[in-house]
């Protein structure tokens, strides 16, 4: 939790500005722009929330079964953001 909050404090303004350019959120809504946002549907303008994690990846590699799908999590502490984990979908059951 502390890393997610500290990352937002350090890079929040830059990330917000980047998303404004990517998604065109500052452009006026009209016939040319209204339903989507360049890369797809517009991002939500709702209240931002943060849900506390119930499981934390601490080992270099961990596997978890989430709702019948096995995920492999790789802890990557020195990636381009502090708290990023690469998640690969390994197997789907269904």
Foldseek 3Di string as FASTA:
>chain_A
DVQVVVLCVVCVVVVVVVLCVQQVPVDDDDPVHNQGGNVGGHDDPDDDDDDDDPDDDDDQWDWDQDPQWIKIWGDDCPPPGRGDIDIDGDDHDD
